[in-house]
Protein backbone atom coordinates (compact mmCIF):
# COMPACT_ATOMS: atom_id res chain seq x y z
CA MET A 1 104.36 173.37 53.80
CA LYS A 2 107.66 172.51 55.77
CA LEU A 3 108.10 176.09 56.50
CA ILE A 4 104.66 176.29 58.11
CA ILE A 5 105.15 173.19 60.18
CA ASP A 6 108.60 174.47 61.35
CA LYS A 7 107.22 177.72 62.41
CA ILE A 8 104.09 176.30 64.32
CA LEU A 9 106.26 173.61 65.91
CA GLY A 10 108.96 175.91 66.81
CA ILE A 11 106.68 178.33 68.56
CA PHE A 12 104.89 175.70 70.28
CA LEU A 13 108.19 174.22 71.57
CA VAL A 14 109.17 177.72 72.92
CA PHE A 15 105.78 178.12 74.55
CA LEU A 16 106.22 174.57 76.28
CA MET A 17 109.84 175.39 77.37
CA SER A 18 108.60 178.67 78.87
CA LEU A 19 105.92 176.95 80.91
CA MET A 20 108.43 174.33 82.05
CA VAL A 21 110.76 177.15 83.27
CA PHE A 22 108.03 179.04 84.98
CA ALA A 23 106.90 175.71 86.76
CA VAL A 24 110.56 174.84 87.90
CA THR A 25 111.08 178.46 89.04
CA TRP A 26 107.82 178.51 90.97
CA GLN A 27 108.75 175.11 92.57
CA VAL A 28 112.06 176.30 93.86
CA PHE A 29 110.61 179.66 94.96
CA SER A 30 107.86 178.09 96.78
CA ARG A 31 110.10 175.46 98.40
CA TYR A 32 112.76 177.85 99.54
CA ALA A 33 111.09 181.37 99.79
CA LEU A 34 107.66 180.20 101.15
CA GLN A 35 108.73 177.02 102.92
CA SER A 36 105.99 175.24 101.36
CA SER A 37 106.54 173.19 98.34
CA SER A 38 104.03 173.45 95.47
CA SER A 39 102.36 170.13 94.91
CA PHE A 40 101.76 170.12 91.24
CA THR A 41 104.85 171.70 89.70
CA GLU A 42 107.01 168.71 89.63
CA GLU A 43 104.38 166.78 87.67
CA VAL A 44 103.84 169.69 85.22
CA ALA A 45 107.62 169.85 84.59
CA ARG A 46 107.91 166.05 84.14
CA TYR A 47 105.01 165.92 81.70
CA LEU A 48 106.29 169.16 79.83
CA LEU A 49 109.74 167.42 79.43
CA ILE A 50 108.00 164.45 77.81
CA TRP A 51 106.24 166.79 75.22
CA ILE A 52 109.29 168.82 74.77
CA GLY A 53 111.43 165.85 74.19
CA LEU A 54 109.34 164.23 71.75
CA LEU A 55 108.17 167.15 69.85
CA GLY A 56 111.82 168.46 69.85
CA ALA A 57 113.06 165.10 68.46
CA ALA A 58 110.42 165.49 65.47
CA TYR A 59 111.41 169.10 64.95
CA ILE A 60 115.19 168.24 64.89
CA SER A 61 114.36 165.29 62.47
CA GLY A 62 112.95 167.87 60.17
CA GLN A 63 115.86 170.06 60.47
CA ARG A 64 118.08 167.26 59.67
CA GLN A 65 120.13 168.03 62.81
CA HIS A 66 119.79 164.67 64.54
CA LEU A 67 122.58 162.65 65.59
CA SER A 68 123.91 160.41 62.71
CA ILE A 69 127.01 158.55 61.87
CA ASP A 70 128.16 159.86 58.57
CA ILE A 71 130.83 157.41 57.33
CA LEU A 72 129.50 155.77 54.18
CA GLY A 73 127.58 158.68 52.67
CA PRO A 74 130.46 161.05 51.81
CA LYS A 75 132.30 158.19 50.12
CA LEU A 76 129.51 157.35 47.56
CA LYS A 77 128.60 159.07 44.43
CA GLU A 78 125.54 161.53 44.53
CA SER A 79 123.24 159.03 43.01
CA ASN A 80 124.10 156.32 45.54
CA ARG A 81 124.01 158.93 48.28
CA ILE A 82 120.43 159.76 47.24
CA LYS A 83 119.48 155.98 47.32
CA LEU A 84 121.12 155.47 50.78
CA ARG A 85 119.40 158.79 52.32
CA SER A 86 116.17 157.54 50.87
CA ALA A 87 116.57 154.02 52.34
CA ILE A 88 117.22 155.49 55.64
CA ASN A 89 114.15 157.74 55.35
CA VAL A 90 112.07 154.69 54.66
CA LEU A 91 113.25 152.93 57.75
CA ILE A 92 112.73 156.06 59.93
CA ILE A 93 109.04 156.32 58.47
CA GLY A 94 108.61 152.54 59.26
CA PHE A 95 109.87 153.00 62.69
CA SER A 96 107.82 156.14 63.36
CA PHE A 97 104.69 154.58 62.05
CA PHE A 98 104.96 151.26 64.00
CA VAL A 99 106.60 152.30 67.21
CA LEU A 100 105.46 155.97 67.76
CA ILE A 101 102.03 156.04 65.88
CA ILE A 102 100.63 152.45 66.38
CA GLY A 103 102.41 151.87 69.68
CA GLY A 104 101.65 155.32 70.92
CA SER A 105 98.00 155.17 69.93
CA ASN A 106 97.59 151.73 71.69
CA LEU A 107 99.21 153.25 74.82
CA VAL A 108 96.85 156.36 74.70
CA TYR A 109 93.91 154.07 73.96
CA VAL A 110 94.57 151.83 76.89
CA ASN A 111 95.19 154.79 79.30
CA TYR A 112 91.85 156.45 78.31
CA LEU A 113 90.15 153.04 78.58
CA LEU A 114 91.40 152.35 82.06
CA GLY A 115 90.74 155.95 83.16
CA GLN A 116 94.22 156.55 84.58
CA THR A 117 94.85 160.10 85.75
CA SER A 118 97.92 161.90 87.09
CA ALA A 119 98.34 162.08 90.80
CA ALA A 120 98.59 165.82 91.30
CA LEU A 121 96.86 167.34 88.29
CA ASN A 122 94.12 164.77 87.86
CA ILE A 123 94.46 164.82 84.12
CA PRO A 124 94.16 161.67 81.90
CA LEU A 125 97.54 160.04 81.39
CA GLY A 126 96.36 159.27 77.74
CA THR A 127 96.81 163.08 77.13
CA ILE A 128 100.38 162.95 78.07
CA TYR A 129 101.10 159.97 75.93
CA LEU A 130 99.43 161.68 73.00
CA ALA A 131 102.95 163.17 72.37
CA LEU A 132 104.04 159.92 70.87
CA PRO A 133 101.59 159.54 67.87
CA ILE A 134 101.83 163.47 67.17
CA SER A 135 105.58 163.33 67.14
CA GLY A 136 105.45 160.16 64.92
CA ALA A 137 103.23 161.88 62.49
CA LEU A 138 105.42 164.87 62.36
CA VAL A 139 108.61 162.72 61.68
CA ILE A 140 106.70 160.91 58.86
CA VAL A 141 105.61 164.31 57.38
CA TYR A 142 109.24 165.61 57.52
CA LYS A 143 110.80 162.51 55.85
CA ILE A 144 108.05 162.23 53.16
CA ILE A 145 108.96 165.86 52.25
CA GLU A 146 112.59 164.87 52.29
CA LEU A 147 111.91 161.90 50.10
CA LEU A 148 109.99 163.98 47.58
CA ASN A 149 112.98 166.47 47.32
CA PRO A 150 116.01 164.38 47.63
CA LYS A 151 118.60 166.65 46.05
CA LYS A 152 117.42 169.54 48.08
CA TYR A 153 118.23 167.69 51.48
CA LEU A 154 121.45 166.01 50.21
CA VAL A 155 124.61 166.86 52.32
């Protein structure tokens, strides 16, 4: 299951990054070569950066390549290291659930309820903020997989 999520998420992130590179390149080209700045590319790049940042954080969390301070873990026995890693994963799941999923879902709901749209693209801002609960759900899935196989993911 993890390999399927990794593959799909990785391909989607590459696609989003390609779109962002194209949007920024077009912005620079239209500004300097055509002497007429494109009105929507800055907004596209900004919103793509939000999605890339949040989904990328979930992807990196699943790869266990996120930033961490590893002082206590190496000094512990394997059984205690597994307990420490499990406790950390439970805290990450709690944060992801309450902040990213619950908080993000509330933000999406309020923005859809208010009917807020972006200035240039005229798309609902709730669509942009949807990256929060999606990213939170992905982090939770990755951490549950890690909790179910603690020895496999032990450093």
